[in-house]
């Protein structure tokens, strides 16, 4: 952990305090993976971390405050998604590889952060601007880079000039997010997990380049 960590009343936490705070966050993250967000209580998080509710309140105002901390950390880590698109080629076989790696990386990020992303989606859907801002930060990590890729292809005359790069990129990112959050549900449609990635990559490639991939 880097930087100063402060308690709710503004005091700088020492090493042990930082470790306790992180343990509370880790336990909360684990609980969100198996329990509905609204059912998680301070006393349960504290008990799981081997400490007391009073200690929890030293670092967080409530469960929602701790959840926002987890969400902010996750959003900061979403910057790695930009690397899946930024500076990558969309030509020939390299373009197909870019589409595949984008899909693979995006789905993996969603799986790894599934619990907190579900809470973020819930908060955003309920109109909480804090969660909406975090969700946009995660999606923007890919949207802006994809829009840039479409604009570059457009400048080279490889995409119709009437195409709106932002609209295309936003639609593709919305599709990626929807599929990522519904990965487990595909089995009910008779779709195997192994079939999701290549078909999603095909749609992404078509969306960005307007062409079938060269495999």
C-alpha atoms as a PDB file:
ATOM      1  CA  UNK A   1       0.000   0.000   0.000  1.00  0.00           C
ATOM      2  CA  UNK A   2       1.435   3.380  -0.977  1.00  0.00           C
ATOM      3  CA  UNK A   3       0.705   6.888   0.236  1.00  0.00           C
ATOM      4  CA  UNK A   4      -0.855   7.965   3.481  1.00  0.00           C
ATOM      5  CA  UNK A   5      -3.954   6.160   4.697  1.00  0.00           C
ATOM      6  CA  UNK A   6      -6.162   8.125   7.035  1.00  0.00           C
ATOM      7  CA  UNK A   7      -8.882   7.148   9.459  1.00  0.00           C
ATOM      8  CA  UNK A   8     -12.368   8.618   9.264  1.00  0.00           C
ATOM      9  CA  UNK A   9     -11.390  11.356  11.734  1.00  0.00           C
ATOM     10  CA  UNK A  10      -8.341  12.340   9.683  1.00  0.00           C
ATOM     11  CA  UNK A  11      -5.530  10.628  11.583  1.00  0.00           C
ATOM     12  CA  UNK A  12      -2.750   8.970   9.587  1.00  0.00           C
ATOM     13  CA  UNK A  13      -2.921   5.209  10.020  1.00  0.00           C
ATOM     14  CA  UNK A  14       0.239   3.353  10.969  1.00  0.00           C
ATOM     15  CA  UNK A  15       1.446   0.130   9.393  1.00  0.00           C
ATOM     16  CA  UNK A  16      -0.785  -2.093  11.535  1.00  0.00           C
ATOM     17  CA  UNK A  17      -3.730   0.195  10.909  1.00  0.00           C
ATOM     18  CA  UNK A  18      -3.170   0.013   7.176  1.00  0.00           C
ATOM     19  CA  UNK A  19      -3.009  -3.767   7.346  1.00  0.00           C
ATOM     20  CA  UNK A  20      -6.251  -3.894   9.340  1.00  0.00           C
ATOM     21  CA  UNK A  21      -7.961  -1.568   6.877  1.00  0.00           C
ATOM     22  CA  UNK A  22      -6.838  -3.682   3.927  1.00  0.00           C
ATOM     23  CA  UNK A  23      -7.983  -6.872   5.653  1.00  0.00           C
ATOM     24  CA  UNK A  24     -11.434  -5.339   6.115  1.00  0.00           C
ATOM     25  CA  UNK A  25     -11.550  -4.496   2.403  1.00  0.00           C
ATOM     26  CA  UNK A  26     -10.393  -7.995   1.449  1.00  0.00           C
ATOM     27  CA  UNK A  27     -13.046  -9.601   3.643  1.00  0.00           C
ATOM     28  CA  UNK A  28     -15.733  -7.317   2.240  1.00  0.00           C
ATOM     29  CA  UNK A  29     -14.681  -8.228  -1.285  1.00  0.00           C
ATOM     30  CA  UNK A  30     -14.956 -11.926  -0.465  1.00  0.00           C
ATOM     31  CA  UNK A  31     -18.403 -11.444   1.055  1.00  0.00           C
ATOM     32  CA  UNK A  32     -19.676  -9.568  -1.994  1.00  0.00           C
ATOM     33  CA  UNK A  33     -18.782 -12.627  -4.073  1.00  0.00           C
ATOM     34  CA  UNK A  34     -21.268 -14.775  -2.154  1.00  0.00           C
ATOM     35  CA  UNK A  35     -23.799 -12.385  -0.611  1.00  0.00           C
ATOM     36  CA  UNK A  36     -26.128  -9.703  -1.992  1.00  0.00           C
ATOM     37  CA  UNK A  37     -24.675  -6.235  -1.414  1.00  0.00           C
ATOM     38  CA  UNK A  38     -27.651  -5.096   0.675  1.00  0.00           C
ATOM     39  CA  UNK A  39     -27.254  -8.076   3.022  1.00  0.00           C
ATOM     40  CA  UNK A  40     -23.654  -7.318   3.994  1.00  0.00           C
ATOM     41  CA  UNK A  41     -23.465  -5.744   7.455  1.00  0.00           C
ATOM     42  CA  UNK A  42     -20.602  -4.004   9.245  1.00  0.00           C
ATOM     43  CA  UNK A  43     -20.650  -6.497  12.099  1.00  0.00           C
ATOM     44  CA  UNK A  44     -20.307  -9.414   9.653  1.00  0.00           C
ATOM     45  CA  UNK A  45     -17.347  -7.827   7.841  1.00  0.00           C
ATOM     46  CA  UNK A  46     -15.651  -7.027  11.143  1.00  0.00           C
ATOM     47  CA  UNK A  47     -16.220 -10.534  12.494  1.00  0.00           C
ATOM     48  CA  UNK A  48     -14.797 -12.086   9.341  1.00  0.00           C
ATOM     49  CA  UNK A  49     -11.724  -9.856   9.611  1.00  0.00           C
ATOM     50  CA  UNK A  50     -11.276 -10.832  13.258  1.00  0.00           C
ATOM     51  CA  UNK A  51     -11.895  -7.349  14.584  1.00  0.00           C
ATOM     52  CA  UNK A  52     -14.766  -5.192  15.884  1.00  0.00           C
ATOM     53  CA  UNK A  53     -17.379  -2.894  14.301  1.00  0.00           C
ATOM     54  CA  UNK A  54     -15.726  -0.012  16.163  1.00  0.00           C
ATOM     55  CA  UNK A  55     -12.507  -0.719  14.288  1.00  0.00           C
ATOM     56  CA  UNK A  56     -14.386  -0.851  10.989  1.00  0.00           C
ATOM     57  CA  UNK A  57     -15.840   2.588  11.662  1.00  0.00           C
ATOM     58  CA  UNK A  58     -12.359   3.960  12.255  1.00  0.00           C
ATOM     59  CA  UNK A  59     -11.650   3.502   8.545  1.00  0.00           C
ATOM     60  CA  UNK A  60     -15.020   3.612   6.797  1.00  0.00           C
ATOM     61  CA  UNK A  61     -18.280   5.495   7.488  1.00  0.00           C
ATOM     62  CA  UNK A  62     -20.354   2.463   6.498  1.00  0.00           C
ATOM     63  CA  UNK A  63     -20.381  -0.565   4.193  1.00  0.00           C
ATOM     64  CA  UNK A  64     -21.175   1.612   1.199  1.00  0.00           C
ATOM     65  CA  UNK A  65     -18.113   3.745   1.889  1.00  0.00           C
ATOM     66  CA  UNK A  66     -15.914   0.639   1.917  1.00  0.00           C
ATOM     67  CA  UNK A  67     -17.565  -0.632  -1.263  1.00  0.00           C
ATOM     68  CA  UNK A  68     -16.792   2.679  -2.973  1.00  0.00           C
ATOM     69  CA  UNK A  69     -13.169   2.264  -1.918  1.00  0.00           C
ATOM     70  CA  UNK A  70     -13.061  -1.155  -3.586  1.00  0.00           C
ATOM     71  CA  UNK A  71     -14.770   0.259  -6.671  1.00  0.00           C
ATOM     72  CA  UNK A  72     -12.314   3.151  -6.968  1.00  0.00           C
ATOM     73  CA  UNK A  73      -9.379   0.742  -6.777  1.00  0.00           C
ATOM     74  CA  UNK A  74     -10.950  -1.449  -9.443  1.00  0.00           C
ATOM     75  CA  UNK A  75     -11.572   1.581 -11.680  1.00  0.00           C
ATOM     76  CA  UNK A  76      -7.930   2.623 -11.352  1.00  0.00           C
ATOM     77  CA  UNK A  77      -6.855  -0.851 -12.435  1.00  0.00           C
ATOM     78  CA  UNK A  78      -9.105  -0.653 -15.505  1.00  0.00           C
ATOM     79  CA  UNK A  79      -6.449   1.548 -17.097  1.00  0.00           C
ATOM     80  CA  UNK A  80      -4.760  -1.686 -18.161  1.00  0.00           C
ATOM     81  CA  UNK A  81      -7.656  -2.245 -20.585  1.00  0.00           C
ATOM     82  CA  UNK A  82      -6.432   0.708 -22.631  1.00  0.00           C
ATOM     83  CA  UNK A  83      -3.284  -1.254 -23.468  1.00  0.00           C
ATOM     84  CA  UNK A  84      -5.445  -3.830 -25.277  1.00  0.00           C
ATOM     85  CA  UNK A  85      -6.311  -1.237 -27.943  1.00  0.00           C
ATOM     86  CA  UNK A  86      -3.895   1.694 -27.757  1.00  0.00           C
ATOM     87  CA  UNK A  87      -1.300   1.546 -30.513  1.00  0.00           C
ATOM     88  CA  UNK A  88      -2.497  -1.829 -31.773  1.00  0.00           C
ATOM     89  CA  UNK A  89      -2.951  -2.666 -35.436  1.00  0.00           C
ATOM     90  CA  UNK A  90      -6.341  -3.464 -36.953  1.00  0.00           C
ATOM     91  CA  UNK A  91      -4.912  -4.556 -40.304  1.00  0.00           C
ATOM     92  CA  UNK A  92      -4.768  -8.125 -41.603  1.00  0.00           C
ATOM     93  CA  UNK A  93      -4.019 -10.910 -39.171  1.00  0.00           C
ATOM     94  CA  UNK A  94      -2.768  -8.412 -36.615  1.00  0.00           C
ATOM     95  CA  UNK A  95      -6.250  -6.903 -36.548  1.00  0.00           C
ATOM     96  CA  UNK A  96      -7.812 -10.252 -35.768  1.00  0.00           C
ATOM     97  CA  UNK A  97      -5.284 -10.786 -32.983  1.00  0.00           C
ATOM     98  CA  UNK A  98      -6.094  -7.348 -31.556  1.00  0.00           C
ATOM     99  CA  UNK A  99      -9.816  -8.149 -31.519  1.00  0.00           C
ATOM    100  CA  UNK A 100      -9.210 -11.494 -29.826  1.00  0.00           C
ATOM    101  CA  UNK A 101      -6.909 -10.090 -27.167  1.00  0.00           C
ATOM    102  CA  UNK A 102      -9.299  -7.213 -26.456  1.00  0.00           C
ATOM    103  CA  UNK A 103     -12.179  -9.621 -25.901  1.00  0.00           C
ATOM    104  CA  UNK A 104     -10.065 -11.989 -23.838  1.00  0.00           C
ATOM    105  CA  UNK A 105      -8.707  -9.194 -21.647  1.00  0.00           C
ATOM    106  CA  UNK A 106     -12.076  -7.494 -21.210  1.00  0.00           C
ATOM    107  CA  UNK A 107     -13.881 -10.687 -20.211  1.00  0.00           C
ATOM    108  CA  UNK A 108     -11.087 -11.646 -17.829  1.00  0.00           C
ATOM    109  CA  UNK A 109     -11.166  -8.212 -16.175  1.00  0.00           C
ATOM    110  CA  UNK A 110     -14.925  -8.575 -15.713  1.00  0.00           C
ATOM    111  CA  UNK A 111     -14.615 -12.074 -14.261  1.00  0.00           C
ATOM    112  CA  UNK A 112     -11.885 -10.979 -11.853  1.00  0.00           C
ATOM    113  CA  UNK A 113     -13.944  -8.004 -10.643  1.00  0.00           C
ATOM    114  CA  UNK A 114     -17.401  -9.537 -11.050  1.00  0.00           C
ATOM    115  CA  UNK A 115     -18.572  -8.974  -7.463  1.00  0.00           C
ATOM    116  CA  UNK A 116     -17.723  -5.279  -7.241  1.00  0.00           C
ATOM    117  CA  UNK A 117     -18.856  -4.607 -10.814  1.00  0.00           C
ATOM    118  CA  UNK A 118     -22.291  -6.009  -9.968  1.00  0.00           C
ATOM    119  CA  UNK A 119     -22.541  -3.534  -7.111  1.00  0.00           C
ATOM    120  CA  UNK A 120     -21.337  -0.693  -9.344  1.00  0.00           C
ATOM    121  CA  UNK A 121     -23.939  -1.583 -11.975  1.00  0.00           C
ATOM    122  CA  UNK A 122     -26.646  -1.685  -9.304  1.00  0.00           C
ATOM    123  CA  UNK A 123     -25.667   1.694  -7.904  1.00  0.00           C
ATOM    124  CA  UNK A 124     -25.454   3.239 -11.364  1.00  0.00           C
ATOM    125  CA  UNK A 125     -28.867   1.823 -12.314  1.00  0.00           C
ATOM    126  CA  UNK A 126     -30.330   3.380  -9.166  1.00  0.00           C
ATOM    127  CA  UNK A 127     -29.004   6.773 -10.218  1.00  0.00           C
ATOM    128  CA  UNK A 128     -26.103   7.042  -7.767  1.00  0.00           C
ATOM    129  CA  UNK A 129     -23.699   9.405  -9.540  1.00  0.00           C
ATOM    130  CA  UNK A 130     -20.703   8.071  -7.619  1.00  0.00           C
ATOM    131  CA  UNK A 131     -21.185   4.590  -9.029  1.00  0.00           C
ATOM    132  CA  UNK A 132     -22.112   5.951 -12.472  1.00  0.00           C
ATOM    133  CA  UNK A 133     -18.837   7.869 -12.575  1.00  0.00           C
ATOM    134  CA  UNK A 134     -16.865   4.748 -11.678  1.00  0.00           C
ATOM    135  CA  UNK A 135     -18.658   2.668 -14.313  1.00  0.00           C
ATOM    136  CA  UNK A 136     -17.948   5.275 -16.978  1.00  0.00           C
ATOM    137  CA  UNK A 137     -14.288   5.358 -15.984  1.00  0.00           C
ATOM    138  CA  UNK A 138     -14.014   1.610 -16.536  1.00  0.00           C
ATOM    139  CA  UNK A 139     -15.793   1.675 -19.894  1.00  0.00           C
ATOM    140  CA  UNK A 140     -13.966   4.799 -21.068  1.00  0.00           C
ATOM    141  CA  UNK A 141     -10.683   2.936 -20.695  1.00  0.00           C
ATOM    142  CA  UNK A 142     -11.654   1.030 -23.841  1.00  0.00           C
ATOM    143  CA  UNK A 143     -14.137   3.371 -25.551  1.00  0.00           C
ATOM    144  CA  UNK A 144     -11.743   6.261 -26.125  1.00  0.00           C
ATOM    145  CA  UNK A 145      -9.048   3.985 -27.558  1.00  0.00           C
ATOM    146  CA  UNK A 146     -11.512   2.191 -29.824  1.00  0.00           C
ATOM    147  CA  UNK A 147     -12.884   5.509 -31.065  1.00  0.00           C
ATOM    148  CA  UNK A 148      -9.332   6.542 -31.878  1.00  0.00           C
ATOM    149  CA  UNK A 149      -8.763   3.335 -33.816  1.00  0.00           C
ATOM    150  CA  UNK A 150     -11.946   3.871 -35.861  1.00  0.00           C
ATOM    151  CA  UNK A 151     -10.974   7.503 -36.544  1.00  0.00           C
ATOM    152  CA  UNK A 152      -7.536   6.409 -37.741  1.00  0.00           C
ATOM    153  CA  UNK A 153      -9.000   3.868 -40.160  1.00  0.00           C
ATOM    154  CA  UNK A 154     -11.473   6.500 -41.311  1.00  0.00           C
ATOM    155  CA  UNK A 155      -8.649   8.968 -42.029  1.00  0.00           C
ATOM    156  CA  UNK A 156      -6.998   6.310 -44.190  1.00  0.00           C
ATOM    157  CA  UNK A 157     -10.198   5.910 -46.209  1.00  0.00           C
ATOM    158  CA  UNK A 158     -10.823   2.390 -44.977  1.00  0.00           C
ATOM    159  CA  UNK A 159     -14.087   3.284 -43.207  1.00  0.00           C
ATOM    160  CA  UNK A 160     -16.969   5.337 -44.576  1.00  0.00           C
ATOM    161  CA  UNK A 161     -16.678   9.022 -43.655  1.00  0.00           C
ATOM    162  CA  UNK A 162     -20.257   9.064 -42.347  1.00  0.00           C
ATOM    163  CA  UNK A 163     -19.417   6.609 -39.560  1.00  0.00           C
ATOM    164  CA  UNK A 164     -19.300   8.211 -36.118  1.00  0.00           C
ATOM    165  CA  UNK A 165     -16.245   6.764 -34.308  1.00  0.00           C
ATOM    166  CA  UNK A 166     -17.632   7.552 -30.856  1.00  0.00           C
ATOM    167  CA  UNK A 167     -20.970   5.922 -31.596  1.00  0.00           C
ATOM    168  CA  UNK A 168     -19.303   2.780 -32.964  1.00  0.00           C
ATOM    169  CA  UNK A 169     -16.850   2.543 -30.066  1.00  0.00           C
ATOM    170  CA  UNK A 170     -19.551   3.191 -27.468  1.00  0.00           C
ATOM    171  CA  UNK A 171     -21.798   0.526 -28.978  1.00  0.00           C
ATOM    172  CA  UNK A 172     -18.998  -2.030 -29.017  1.00  0.00           C
ATOM    173  CA  UNK A 173     -18.019  -1.316 -25.405  1.00  0.00           C
ATOM    174  CA  UNK A 174     -21.660  -1.553 -24.306  1.00  0.00           C
ATOM    175  CA  UNK A 175     -21.851  -4.916 -26.056  1.00  0.00           C
ATOM    176  CA  UNK A 176     -18.649  -6.127 -24.396  1.00  0.00           C
ATOM    177  CA  UNK A 177     -19.922  -5.085 -20.964  1.00  0.00           C
ATOM    178  CA  UNK A 178     -23.298  -6.737 -21.506  1.00  0.00           C
ATOM    179  CA  UNK A 179     -21.740 -10.017 -22.632  1.00  0.00           C
ATOM    180  CA  UNK A 180     -19.131  -9.908 -19.848  1.00  0.00           C
ATOM    181  CA  UNK A 181     -21.799  -9.517 -17.168  1.00  0.00           C
ATOM    182  CA  UNK A 182     -23.883 -12.339 -18.653  1.00  0.00           C
ATOM    183  CA  UNK A 183     -21.140 -14.896 -19.304  1.00  0.00           C
ATOM    184  CA  UNK A 184     -22.645 -17.566 -17.059  1.00  0.00           C
ATOM    185  CA  UNK A 185     -26.071 -17.110 -18.618  1.00  0.00           C
ATOM    186  CA  UNK A 186     -25.035 -18.177 -22.096  1.00  0.00           C
ATOM    187  CA  UNK A 187     -25.247 -21.833 -21.128  1.00  0.00           C
ATOM    188  CA  UNK A 188     -29.032 -21.482 -20.804  1.00  0.00           C
ATOM    189  CA  UNK A 189     -29.064 -20.593 -24.520  1.00  0.00           C
ATOM    190  CA  UNK A 190     -27.008 -23.637 -25.404  1.00  0.00           C
ATOM    191  CA  UNK A 191     -23.856 -21.584 -25.973  1.00  0.00           C
ATOM    192  CA  UNK A 192     -20.609 -23.015 -24.622  1.00  0.00           C
ATOM    193  CA  UNK A 193     -18.147 -20.714 -22.865  1.00  0.00           C
ATOM    194  CA  UNK A 194     -15.469 -21.575 -25.430  1.00  0.00           C
ATOM    195  CA  UNK A 195     -17.720 -20.278 -28.219  1.00  0.00           C
ATOM    196  CA  UNK A 196     -18.249 -16.832 -26.722  1.00  0.00           C
ATOM    197  CA  UNK A 197     -14.794 -15.343 -27.236  1.00  0.00           C
ATOM    198  CA  UNK A 198     -14.264 -16.042 -30.976  1.00  0.00           C
ATOM    199  CA  UNK A 199     -17.755 -14.927 -31.909  1.00  0.00           C
ATOM    200  CA  UNK A 200     -17.519 -11.786 -29.803  1.00  0.00           C
ATOM    201  CA  UNK A 201     -14.095 -11.036 -31.308  1.00  0.00           C
ATOM    202  CA  UNK A 202     -15.630 -11.386 -34.771  1.00  0.00           C
ATOM    203  CA  UNK A 203     -18.286  -8.788 -33.924  1.00  0.00           C
ATOM    204  CA  UNK A 204     -15.674  -6.418 -32.490  1.00  0.00           C
ATOM    205  CA  UNK A 205     -13.481  -6.759 -35.592  1.00  0.00           C
ATOM    206  CA  UNK A 206     -16.434  -6.161 -37.893  1.00  0.00           C
ATOM    207  CA  UNK A 207     -17.499  -3.181 -35.820  1.00  0.00           C
ATOM    208  CA  UNK A 208     -14.100  -1.504 -35.875  1.00  0.00           C
ATOM    209  CA  UNK A 209     -12.974  -2.303 -39.431  1.00  0.00           C
ATOM    210  CA  UNK A 210     -16.225  -3.042 -41.262  1.00  0.00           C
ATOM    211  CA  UNK A 211     -14.553  -6.188 -42.638  1.00  0.00           C
ATOM    212  CA  UNK A 212     -14.259  -9.877 -41.876  1.00  0.00           C
ATOM    213  CA  UNK A 213     -10.979 -10.716 -40.154  1.00  0.00           C
ATOM    214  CA  UNK A 214      -8.006 -12.260 -41.883  1.00  0.00           C
ATOM    215  CA  UNK A 215      -7.226 -15.406 -39.908  1.00  0.00           C
END
